[in-house]
Structures are given as C-alpha cells and as structure tokens.
Amino acid sequence: MREQAAIAADIAASLRRLADALEEFVQIPKGEEQEAQSPAAATPTLEEVRTALMALSVAGHGAEVKNLIGKFGVSKLSEIAPEHYEAVLKEAESIGK
C-alpha cells in the first residue's frame, strides 16, 4: 500500500511540474517566442528534456524513459551532459509510437 501511495505521489508531482511547464509555455509573449526559436536557443535545456520525458512517463512509458536515460551511461536525467539533451529528445520522440 505504501508503494502505491509513493507511486501516486510521484505521479502527482510529475503532473504538477508538467502543468507548470505548460503554464510557462502558454504565457510566453509573441516576441519572446520568436527569440526562443532562434538558432542560438536551439540547444534544449534540462527543464525541456525533463518535461518531455515526464510527459512520456505519465503516459505509461516510464520503463522506456528509464532505459533511454541508461543509454547515456547514467541513472538519472540530471547526470546527462547538456550536449546530449538534443539526442535524448530525438530518441524520446520514438517512444510510444
């Protein structure tokens, strides 16, 4: 029963973070949105990667997300080097399809 409560708490926390990220996205003014799409901002951030992987986890692909992180030789997303974020996102696109 405790394990189920812990899982439910993790899912709730993930949903809150996802909702926060979506809220931020919706509130980006048009000028800033265009800046964000410039080539200089092409490198994904840890938060962008975390949000994408969290959405997959919430959708029931937690094991696949964990395997994806493991492909980069680490056990936690925060341990992945920033230069690999784009590759992580590219591989994540194929999860669940």
PDB file of N, CA and C in Angstrom:
ATOM      1  N   MET A   1       0.820  -1.189   0.000  1.00  0.00           N
ATOM      2  CA  MET A   1       0.000   0.000   0.000  1.00  0.00           C
ATOM      3  C   MET A   1       0.867   1.256   0.000  1.00  0.00           C
ATOM      4  N   ARG A   2       1.971   1.211   0.756  1.00  0.00           N
ATOM      5  CA  ARG A   2       2.875   2.371   0.778  1.00  0.00           C
ATOM      6  C   ARG A   2       3.485   2.612  -0.590  1.00  0.00           C
ATOM      7  N   GLU A   3       3.796   1.521  -1.267  1.00  0.00           N
ATOM      8  CA  GLU A   3       4.394   1.660  -2.595  1.00  0.00           C
ATOM      9  C   GLU A   3       3.414   2.340  -3.547  1.00  0.00           C
ATOM     10  N   GLN A   4       2.148   1.987  -3.471  1.00  0.00           N
ATOM     11  CA  GLN A   4       1.134   2.615  -4.314  1.00  0.00           C
ATOM     12  C   GLN A   4       0.996   4.095  -3.978  1.00  0.00           C
ATOM     13  N   ALA A   5       1.062   4.419  -2.691  1.00  0.00           N
ATOM     14  CA  ALA A   5       0.967   5.822  -2.280  1.00  0.00           C
ATOM     15  C   ALA A   5       2.174   6.601  -2.784  1.00  0.00           C
ATOM     16  N   ALA A   6       3.349   5.992  -2.739  1.00  0.00           N
ATOM     17  CA  ALA A   6       4.558   6.654  -3.234  1.00  0.00           C
ATOM     18  C   ALA A   6       4.477   6.870  -4.740  1.00  0.00           C
ATOM     19  N   ILE A   7       3.982   5.878  -5.446  1.00  0.00           N
ATOM     20  CA  ILE A   7       3.826   5.998  -6.900  1.00  0.00           C
ATOM     21  C   ILE A   7       2.820   7.106  -7.224  1.00  0.00           C
ATOM     22  N   ALA A   8       1.720   7.122  -6.499  1.00  0.00           N
ATOM     23  CA  ALA A   8       0.708   8.164  -6.719  1.00  0.00           C
ATOM     24  C   ALA A   8       1.282   9.545  -6.430  1.00  0.00           C
ATOM     25  N   ALA A   9       2.085   9.662  -5.385  1.00  0.00           N
ATOM     26  CA  ALA A   9       2.707  10.946  -5.050  1.00  0.00           C
ATOM     27  C   ALA A   9       3.683  11.367  -6.146  1.00  0.00           C
ATOM     28  N   ASP A  10       4.446  10.422  -6.681  1.00  0.00           N
ATOM     29  CA  ASP A  10       5.375  10.726  -7.775  1.00  0.00           C
ATOM     30  C   ASP A  10       4.627  11.191  -9.020  1.00  0.00           C
ATOM     31  N   ILE A  11       3.546  10.528  -9.324  1.00  0.00           N
ATOM     32  CA  ILE A  11       2.753  10.916 -10.496  1.00  0.00           C
ATOM     33  C   ILE A  11       2.168  12.304 -10.293  1.00  0.00           C
ATOM     34  N   ALA A  12       1.652  12.566  -9.100  1.00  0.00           N
ATOM     35  CA  ALA A  12       1.077  13.884  -8.817  1.00  0.00           C
ATOM     36  C   ALA A  12       2.139  14.974  -8.947  1.00  0.00           C
ATOM     37  N   ALA A  13       3.339  14.719  -8.423  1.00  0.00           N
ATOM     38  CA  ALA A  13       4.418  15.705  -8.535  1.00  0.00           C
ATOM     39  C   ALA A  13       4.802  15.907  -9.999  1.00  0.00           C
ATOM     40  N   SER A  14       4.842  14.837 -10.759  1.00  0.00           N
ATOM     41  CA  SER A  14       5.170  14.934 -12.183  1.00  0.00           C
ATOM     42  C   SER A  14       4.118  15.742 -12.928  1.00  0.00           C
ATOM     43  N   LEU A  15       2.874  15.507 -12.611  1.00  0.00           N
ATOM     44  CA  LEU A  15       1.797  16.255 -13.264  1.00  0.00           C
ATOM     45  C   LEU A  15       1.860  17.735 -12.906  1.00  0.00           C
ATOM     46  N   ARG A  16       2.211  18.042 -11.650  1.00  0.00           N
ATOM     47  CA  ARG A  16       2.343  19.446 -11.257  1.00  0.00           C
ATOM     48  C   ARG A  16       3.449  20.130 -12.045  1.00  0.00           C
ATOM     49  N   ARG A  17       4.605  19.449 -12.172  1.00  0.00           N
ATOM     50  CA  ARG A  17       5.716  20.036 -12.921  1.00  0.00           C
ATOM     51  C   ARG A  17       5.346  20.199 -14.390  1.00  0.00           C
ATOM     52  N   LEU A  18       4.651  19.221 -14.933  1.00  0.00           N
ATOM     53  CA  LEU A  18       4.212  19.313 -16.325  1.00  0.00           C
ATOM     54  C   LEU A  18       3.242  20.476 -16.497  1.00  0.00           C
ATOM     55  N   ALA A  19       2.317  20.620 -15.572  1.00  0.00           N
ATOM     56  CA  ALA A  19       1.361  21.730 -15.637  1.00  0.00           C
ATOM     57  C   ALA A  19       2.089  23.073 -15.540  1.00  0.00           C
ATOM     58  N   ASP A  20       3.088  23.161 -14.662  1.00  0.00           N
ATOM     59  CA  ASP A  20       3.869  24.400 -14.541  1.00  0.00           C
ATOM     60  C   ASP A  20       4.579  24.722 -15.849  1.00  0.00           C
ATOM     61  N   ALA A  21       5.172  23.700 -16.462  1.00  0.00           N
ATOM     62  CA  ALA A  21       5.881  23.916 -17.722  1.00  0.00           C
ATOM     63  C   ALA A  21       4.917  24.363 -18.820  1.00  0.00           C
ATOM     64  N   LEU A  22       3.747  23.747 -18.877  1.00  0.00           N
ATOM     65  CA  LEU A  22       2.758  24.142 -19.876  1.00  0.00           C
ATOM     66  C   LEU A  22       2.260  25.561 -19.618  1.00  0.00           C
ATOM     67  N   GLU A  23       2.080  25.907 -18.359  1.00  0.00           N
ATOM     68  CA  GLU A  23       1.658  27.264 -17.996  1.00  0.00           C
ATOM     69  C   GLU A  23       2.682  28.288 -18.474  1.00  0.00           C
ATOM     70  N   GLU A  24       3.966  28.001 -18.243  1.00  0.00           N
ATOM     71  CA  GLU A  24       5.024  28.901 -18.699  1.00  0.00           C
ATOM     72  C   GLU A  24       4.994  29.030 -20.214  1.00  0.00           C
ATOM     73  N   PHE A  25       4.817  27.924 -20.898  1.00  0.00           N
ATOM     74  CA  PHE A  25       4.798  27.928 -22.349  1.00  0.00           C
ATOM     75  C   PHE A  25       3.663  28.795 -22.880  1.00  0.00           C
ATOM     76  N   VAL A  26       2.493  28.658 -22.302  1.00  0.00           N
ATOM     77  CA  VAL A  26       1.325  29.402 -22.748  1.00  0.00           C
ATOM     78  C   VAL A  26       1.505  30.898 -22.510  1.00  0.00           C
ATOM     79  N   GLN A  27       2.245  31.273 -21.489  1.00  0.00           N
ATOM     80  CA  GLN A  27       2.385  32.673 -21.125  1.00  0.00           C
ATOM     81  C   GLN A  27       3.545  33.378 -21.805  1.00  0.00           C
ATOM     82  N   ILE A  28       4.257  32.716 -22.700  1.00  0.00           N
ATOM     83  CA  ILE A  28       5.376  33.352 -23.403  1.00  0.00           C
ATOM     84  C   ILE A  28       4.810  34.371 -24.393  1.00  0.00           C
ATOM     85  N   PRO A  29       5.178  35.662 -24.259  1.00  0.00           N
ATOM     86  CA  PRO A  29       4.729  36.667 -25.223  1.00  0.00           C
ATOM     87  C   PRO A  29       5.274  36.362 -26.626  1.00  0.00           C
ATOM     88  N   LYS A  30       4.595  36.849 -27.645  1.00  0.00           N
ATOM     89  CA  LYS A  30       4.962  36.555 -29.034  1.00  0.00           C
ATOM     90  C   LYS A  30       6.417  36.889 -29.347  1.00  0.00           C
ATOM     91  N   GLY A  31       6.916  38.039 -28.916  1.00  0.00           N
ATOM     92  CA  GLY A  31       8.294  38.431 -29.198  1.00  0.00           C
ATOM     93  C   GLY A  31       9.290  37.461 -28.598  1.00  0.00           C
ATOM     94  N   GLU A  32       9.045  37.031 -27.366  1.00  0.00           N
ATOM     95  CA  GLU A  32       9.944  36.084 -26.710  1.00  0.00           C
ATOM     96  C   GLU A  32       9.868  34.720 -27.366  1.00  0.00           C
ATOM     97  N   GLU A  33       8.698  34.355 -27.858  1.00  0.00           N
ATOM     98  CA  GLU A  33       8.539  33.070 -28.527  1.00  0.00           C
ATOM     99  C   GLU A  33       9.407  33.009 -29.771  1.00  0.00           C
ATOM    100  N   GLN A  34       9.457  34.104 -30.522  1.00  0.00           N
ATOM    101  CA  GLN A  34      10.287  34.144 -31.716  1.00  0.00           C
ATOM    102  C   GLN A  34      11.756  34.079 -31.336  1.00  0.00           C
ATOM    103  N   GLU A  35      12.150  34.743 -30.238  1.00  0.00           N
ATOM    104  CA  GLU A  35      13.535  34.664 -29.783  1.00  0.00           C
ATOM    105  C   GLU A  35      13.891  33.235 -29.401  1.00  0.00           C
ATOM    106  N   ALA A  36      12.966  32.544 -28.755  1.00  0.00           N
ATOM    107  CA  ALA A  36      13.216  31.180 -28.309  1.00  0.00           C
ATOM    108  C   ALA A  36      13.431  30.234 -29.487  1.00  0.00           C
ATOM    109  N   GLN A  37      12.897  30.589 -30.651  1.00  0.00           N
ATOM    110  CA  GLN A  37      13.047  29.737 -31.822  1.00  0.00           C
ATOM    111  C   GLN A  37      14.276  30.089 -32.650  1.00  0.00           C
ATOM    112  N   SER A  38      15.050  31.062 -32.203  1.00  0.00           N
ATOM    113  CA  SER A  38      16.244  31.444 -32.946  1.00  0.00           C
ATOM    114  C   SER A  38      17.294  30.344 -32.840  1.00  0.00           C
ATOM    115  N   PRO A  39      18.229  30.284 -33.791  1.00  0.00           N
ATOM    116  CA  PRO A  39      19.252  29.239 -33.769  1.00  0.00           C
ATOM    117  C   PRO A  39      20.094  29.244 -32.495  1.00  0.00           C
ATOM    118  N   ALA A  40      20.306  30.395 -31.891  1.00  0.00           N
ATOM    119  CA  ALA A  40      21.110  30.461 -30.671  1.00  0.00           C
ATOM    120  C   ALA A  40      20.442  29.706 -29.533  1.00  0.00           C
ATOM    121  N   ALA A  41      19.120  29.610 -29.557  1.00  0.00           N
ATOM    122  CA  ALA A  41      18.391  28.937 -28.495  1.00  0.00           C
ATOM    123  C   ALA A  41      18.016  27.506 -28.895  1.00  0.00           C
ATOM    124  N   ALA A  42      18.662  26.971 -29.901  1.00  0.00           N
ATOM    125  CA  ALA A  42      18.317  25.650 -30.409  1.00  0.00           C
ATOM    126  C   ALA A  42      18.690  24.529 -29.441  1.00  0.00           C
ATOM    127  N   THR A  43      19.653  24.744 -28.556  1.00  0.00           N
ATOM    128  CA  THR A  43      20.061  23.714 -27.618  1.00  0.00           C
ATOM    129  C   THR A  43      19.016  23.574 -26.523  1.00  0.00           C
ATOM    130  N   PRO A  44      18.449  22.381 -26.349  1.00  0.00           N
ATOM    131  CA  PRO A  44      17.430  22.188 -25.327  1.00  0.00           C
ATOM    132  C   PRO A  44      18.009  22.350 -23.917  1.00  0.00           C
ATOM    133  N   THR A  45      17.164  22.756 -22.995  1.00  0.00           N
ATOM    134  CA  THR A  45      17.572  22.877 -21.598  1.00  0.00           C
ATOM    135  C   THR A  45      17.199  21.605 -20.848  1.00  0.00           C
ATOM    136  N   LEU A  46      17.748  21.468 -19.654  1.00  0.00           N
ATOM    137  CA  LEU A  46      17.414  20.325 -18.816  1.00  0.00           C
ATOM    138  C   LEU A  46      15.915  20.301 -18.533  1.00  0.00           C
ATOM    139  N   GLU A  47      15.330  21.453 -18.274  1.00  0.00           N
ATOM    140  CA  GLU A  47      13.897  21.510 -17.982  1.00  0.00           C
ATOM    141  C   GLU A  47      13.055  21.066 -19.179  1.00  0.00           C
ATOM    142  N   GLU A  48      13.466  21.418 -20.388  1.00  0.00           N
ATOM    143  CA  GLU A  48      12.733  20.987 -21.578  1.00  0.00           C
ATOM    144  C   GLU A  48      12.804  19.471 -21.733  1.00  0.00           C
ATOM    145  N   VAL A  49      13.985  18.926 -21.505  1.00  0.00           N
ATOM    146  CA  VAL A  49      14.151  17.472 -21.601  1.00  0.00           C
ATOM    147  C   VAL A  49      13.342  16.796 -20.503  1.00  0.00           C
ATOM    148  N   ARG A  50      13.432  17.325 -19.301  1.00  0.00           N
ATOM    149  CA  ARG A  50      12.698  16.759 -18.164  1.00  0.00           C
ATOM    150  C   ARG A  50      11.191  16.778 -18.434  1.00  0.00           C
ATOM    151  N   THR A  51      10.685  17.871 -18.969  1.00  0.00           N
ATOM    152  CA  THR A  51       9.258  17.981 -19.254  1.00  0.00           C
ATOM    153  C   THR A  51       8.824  16.952 -20.291  1.00  0.00           C
ATOM    154  N   ALA A  52       9.612  16.790 -21.338  1.00  0.00           N
ATOM    155  CA  ALA A  52       9.282  15.825 -22.392  1.00  0.00           C
ATOM    156  C   ALA A  52       9.282  14.399 -21.850  1.00  0.00           C
ATOM    157  N   LEU A  53      10.302  14.062 -21.060  1.00  0.00           N
ATOM    158  CA  LEU A  53      10.389  12.706 -20.519  1.00  0.00           C
ATOM    159  C   LEU A  53       9.322  12.459 -19.465  1.00  0.00           C
ATOM    160  N   MET A  54       8.986  13.490 -18.715  1.00  0.00           N
ATOM    161  CA  MET A  54       7.947  13.369 -17.706  1.00  0.00           C
ATOM    162  C   MET A  54       6.599  13.080 -18.359  1.00  0.00           C
ATOM    163  N   ALA A  55       6.331  13.747 -19.453  1.00  0.00           N
ATOM    164  CA  ALA A  55       5.078  13.519 -20.168  1.00  0.00           C
ATOM    165  C   ALA A  55       4.994  12.071 -20.650  1.00  0.00           C
ATOM    166  N   LEU A  56       6.099  11.544 -21.124  1.00  0.00           N
ATOM    167  CA  LEU A  56       6.124  10.144 -21.555  1.00  0.00           C
ATOM    168  C   LEU A  56       5.915   9.208 -20.378  1.00  0.00           C
ATOM    169  N   SER A  57       6.542   9.512 -19.249  1.00  0.00           N
ATOM    170  CA  SER A  57       6.386   8.678 -18.053  1.00  0.00           C
ATOM    171  C   SER A  57       4.941   8.653 -17.593  1.00  0.00           C
ATOM    172  N   VAL A  58       4.324   9.820 -17.552  1.00  0.00           N
ATOM    173  CA  VAL A  58       2.932   9.925 -17.120  1.00  0.00           C
ATOM    174  C   VAL A  58       2.021   9.158 -18.081  1.00  0.00           C
ATOM    175  N   ALA A  59       2.412   9.096 -19.349  1.00  0.00           N
ATOM    176  CA  ALA A  59       1.622   8.388 -20.357  1.00  0.00           C
ATOM    177  C   ALA A  59       1.846   6.874 -20.309  1.00  0.00           C
ATOM    178  N   GLY A  60       2.625   6.411 -19.329  1.00  0.00           N
ATOM    179  CA  GLY A  60       2.806   4.971 -19.168  1.00  0.00           C
ATOM    180  C   GLY A  60       4.076   4.401 -19.772  1.00  0.00           C
ATOM    181  N   HIS A  61       5.013   5.255 -20.134  1.00  0.00           N
ATOM    182  CA  HIS A  61       6.253   4.794 -20.762  1.00  0.00           C
ATOM    183  C   HIS A  61       7.456   4.983 -19.845  1.00  0.00           C
ATOM    184  N   GLY A  62       7.239   4.855 -18.552  1.00  0.00           N
ATOM    185  CA  GLY A  62       8.302   5.075 -17.566  1.00  0.00           C
ATOM    186  C   GLY A  62       9.502   4.172 -17.762  1.00  0.00           C
ATOM    187  N   ALA A  63       9.264   2.899 -18.037  1.00  0.00           N
ATOM    188  CA  ALA A  63      10.369   1.956 -18.213  1.00  0.00           C
ATOM    189  C   ALA A  63      11.201   2.327 -19.444  1.00  0.00           C
ATOM    190  N   GLU A  64      10.529   2.748 -20.508  1.00  0.00           N
ATOM    191  CA  GLU A  64      11.253   3.139 -21.718  1.00  0.00           C
ATOM    192  C   GLU A  64      12.077   4.399 -21.489  1.00  0.00           C
ATOM    193  N   VAL A  65      11.532   5.321 -20.693  1.00  0.00           N
ATOM    194  CA  VAL A  65      12.261   6.547 -20.362  1.00  0.00           C
ATOM    195  C   VAL A  65      13.501   6.201 -19.548  1.00  0.00           C
ATOM    196  N   LYS A  66      13.336   5.297 -18.596  1.00  0.00           N
ATOM    197  CA  LYS A  66      14.474   4.881 -17.762  1.00  0.00           C
ATOM    198  C   LYS A  66      15.551   4.223 -18.627  1.00  0.00           C
ATOM    199  N   ASN A  67      15.138   3.397 -19.583  1.00  0.00           N
ATOM    200  CA  ASN A  67      16.096   2.757 -20.497  1.00  0.00           C
ATOM    201  C   ASN A  67      16.808   3.798 -21.356  1.00  0.00           C
ATOM    202  N   LEU A  68      16.071   4.806 -21.806  1.00  0.00           N
ATOM    203  CA  LEU A  68      16.665   5.871 -22.616  1.00  0.00           C
ATOM    204  C   LEU A  68      17.744   6.600 -21.821  1.00  0.00           C
ATOM    205  N   ILE A  69      17.454   6.928 -20.587  1.00  0.00           N
ATOM    206  CA  ILE A  69      18.449   7.609 -19.743  1.00  0.00           C
ATOM    207  C   ILE A  69      19.662   6.711 -19.560  1.00  0.00           C
ATOM    208  N   GLY A  70      19.424   5.423 -19.364  1.00  0.00           N
ATOM    209  CA  GLY A  70      20.512   4.465 -19.189  1.00  0.00           C
ATOM    210  C   GLY A  70      21.414   4.344 -20.407  1.00  0.00           C
ATOM    211  N   LYS A  71      20.871   4.593 -21.607  1.00  0.00           N
ATOM    212  CA  LYS A  71      21.683   4.534 -22.827  1.00  0.00           C
ATOM    213  C   LYS A  71      22.828   5.544 -22.800  1.00  0.00           C
ATOM    214  N   PHE A  72      22.674   6.579 -21.985  1.00  0.00           N
ATOM    215  CA  PHE A  72      23.703   7.607 -21.895  1.00  0.00           C
ATOM    216  C   PHE A  72      24.661   7.347 -20.733  1.00  0.00           C
ATOM    217  N   GLY A  73      24.593   6.126 -20.186  1.00  0.00           N
ATOM    218  CA  GLY A  73      25.541   5.703 -19.164  1.00  0.00           C
ATOM    219  C   GLY A  73      25.312   6.302 -17.785  1.00  0.00           C
ATOM    220  N   VAL A  74      24.094   6.752 -17.521  1.00  0.00           N
ATOM    221  CA  VAL A  74      23.782   7.347 -16.223  1.00  0.00           C
ATOM    222  C   VAL A  74      22.474   6.757 -15.702  1.00  0.00           C
ATOM    223  N   SER A  75      22.182   7.023 -14.434  1.00  0.00           N
ATOM    224  CA  SER A  75      20.948   6.508 -13.860  1.00  0.00           C
ATOM    225  C   SER A  75      19.900   7.594 -13.641  1.00  0.00           C
ATOM    226  N   LYS A  76      20.324   8.870 -13.723  1.00  0.00           N
ATOM    227  CA  LYS A  76      19.387   9.974 -13.523  1.00  0.00           C
ATOM    228  C   LYS A  76      19.529  10.986 -14.656  1.00  0.00           C
ATOM    229  N   LEU A  77      18.437  11.602 -15.023  1.00  0.00           N
ATOM    230  CA  LEU A  77      18.443  12.588 -16.098  1.00  0.00           C
ATOM    231  C   LEU A  77      19.417  13.721 -15.807  1.00  0.00           C
ATOM    232  N   SER A  78      19.473  14.159 -14.573  1.00  0.00           N
ATOM    233  CA  SER A  78      20.343  15.285 -14.217  1.00  0.00           C
ATOM    234  C   SER A  78      21.824  14.969 -14.411  1.00  0.00           C
ATOM    235  N   GLU A  79      22.170  13.709 -14.580  1.00  0.00           N
ATOM    236  CA  GLU A  79      23.559  13.315 -14.800  1.00  0.00           C
ATOM    237  C   GLU A  79      23.961  13.335 -16.273  1.00  0.00           C
ATOM    238  N   ILE A  80      22.993  13.502 -17.161  1.00  0.00           N
ATOM    239  CA  ILE A  80      23.295  13.542 -18.591  1.00  0.00           C
ATOM    240  C   ILE A  80      23.925  14.894 -18.925  1.00  0.00           C
ATOM    241  N   ALA A  81      24.984  14.857 -19.698  1.00  0.00           N
ATOM    242  CA  ALA A  81      25.676  16.083 -20.096  1.00  0.00           C
ATOM    243  C   ALA A  81      24.781  16.900 -21.024  1.00  0.00           C
ATOM    244  N   PRO A  82      24.785  18.233 -20.864  1.00  0.00           N
ATOM    245  CA  PRO A  82      23.921  19.095 -21.679  1.00  0.00           C
ATOM    246  C   PRO A  82      24.089  18.904 -23.188  1.00  0.00           C
ATOM    247  N   GLU A  83      25.268  18.544 -23.623  1.00  0.00           N
ATOM    248  CA  GLU A  83      25.465  18.371 -25.064  1.00  0.00           C
ATOM    249  C   GLU A  83      24.696  17.167 -25.619  1.00  0.00           C
ATOM    250  N   HIS A  84      24.151  16.318 -24.736  1.00  0.00           N
ATOM    251  CA  HIS A  84      23.386  15.151 -25.170  1.00  0.00           C
ATOM    252  C   HIS A  84      21.873  15.385 -25.129  1.00  0.00           C
ATOM    253  N   TYR A  85      21.431  16.546 -24.643  1.00  0.00           N
ATOM    254  CA  TYR A  85      19.996  16.806 -24.493  1.00  0.00           C
ATOM    255  C   TYR A  85      19.249  16.666 -25.818  1.00  0.00           C
ATOM    256  N   GLU A  86      19.814  17.186 -26.881  1.00  0.00           N
ATOM    257  CA  GLU A  86      19.140  17.107 -28.176  1.00  0.00           C
ATOM    258  C   GLU A  86      18.977  15.648 -28.610  1.00  0.00           C
ATOM    259  N   ALA A  87      19.998  14.838 -28.394  1.00  0.00           N
ATOM    260  CA  ALA A  87      19.924  13.416 -28.752  1.00  0.00           C
ATOM    261  C   ALA A  87      18.874  12.697 -27.904  1.00  0.00           C
ATOM    262  N   VAL A  88      18.794  13.059 -26.626  1.00  0.00           N
ATOM    263  CA  VAL A  88      17.786  12.461 -25.751  1.00  0.00           C
ATOM    264  C   VAL A  88      16.393  12.772 -26.284  1.00  0.00           C
ATOM    265  N   LEU A  89      16.163  14.029 -26.640  1.00  0.00           N
ATOM    266  CA  LEU A  89      14.847  14.410 -27.162  1.00  0.00           C
ATOM    267  C   LEU A  89      14.522  13.695 -28.473  1.00  0.00           C
ATOM    268  N   LYS A  90      15.514  13.545 -29.335  1.00  0.00           N
ATOM    269  CA  LYS A  90      15.284  12.852 -30.611  1.00  0.00           C
ATOM    270  C   LYS A  90      14.872  11.403 -30.370  1.00  0.00           C
ATOM    271  N   GLU A  91      15.575  10.733 -29.453  1.00  0.00           N
ATOM    272  CA  GLU A  91      15.221   9.342 -29.146  1.00  0.00           C
ATOM    273  C   GLU A  91      13.872   9.254 -28.447  1.00  0.00           C
ATOM    274  N   ALA A  92      13.565  10.240 -27.626  1.00  0.00           N
ATOM    275  CA  ALA A  92      12.300  10.235 -26.891  1.00  0.00           C
ATOM    276  C   ALA A  92      11.111  10.334 -27.847  1.00  0.00           C
ATOM    277  N   GLU A  93      11.299  10.970 -28.987  1.00  0.00           N
ATOM    278  CA  GLU A  93      10.215  11.128 -29.955  1.00  0.00           C
ATOM    279  C   GLU A  93       9.695   9.771 -30.428  1.00  0.00           C
ATOM    280  N   SER A  94      10.541   8.767 -30.437  1.00  0.00           N
ATOM    281  CA  SER A  94      10.121   7.451 -30.933  1.00  0.00           C
ATOM    282  C   SER A  94       9.424   6.619 -29.860  1.00  0.00           C
ATOM    283  N   ILE A  95       9.482   7.032 -28.606  1.00  0.00           N
ATOM    284  CA  ILE A  95       8.842   6.278 -27.531  1.00  0.00           C
ATOM    285  C   ILE A  95       7.327   6.423 -27.640  1.00  0.00           C
ATOM    286  N   GLY A  96       6.658   5.317 -27.590  1.00  0.00           N
ATOM    287  CA  GLY A  96       5.198   5.322 -27.612  1.00  0.00           C
ATOM    288  C   GLY A  96       4.574   5.396 -28.986  1.00  0.00           C
ATOM    289  N   LYS A  97       5.382   5.313 -30.009  1.00  0.00           N
ATOM    290  CA  LYS A  97       4.830   5.391 -31.372  1.00  0.00           C
ATOM    291  C   LYS A  97       4.817   4.029 -31.998  1.00  0.00           C
TER     292      LYS A  97
END
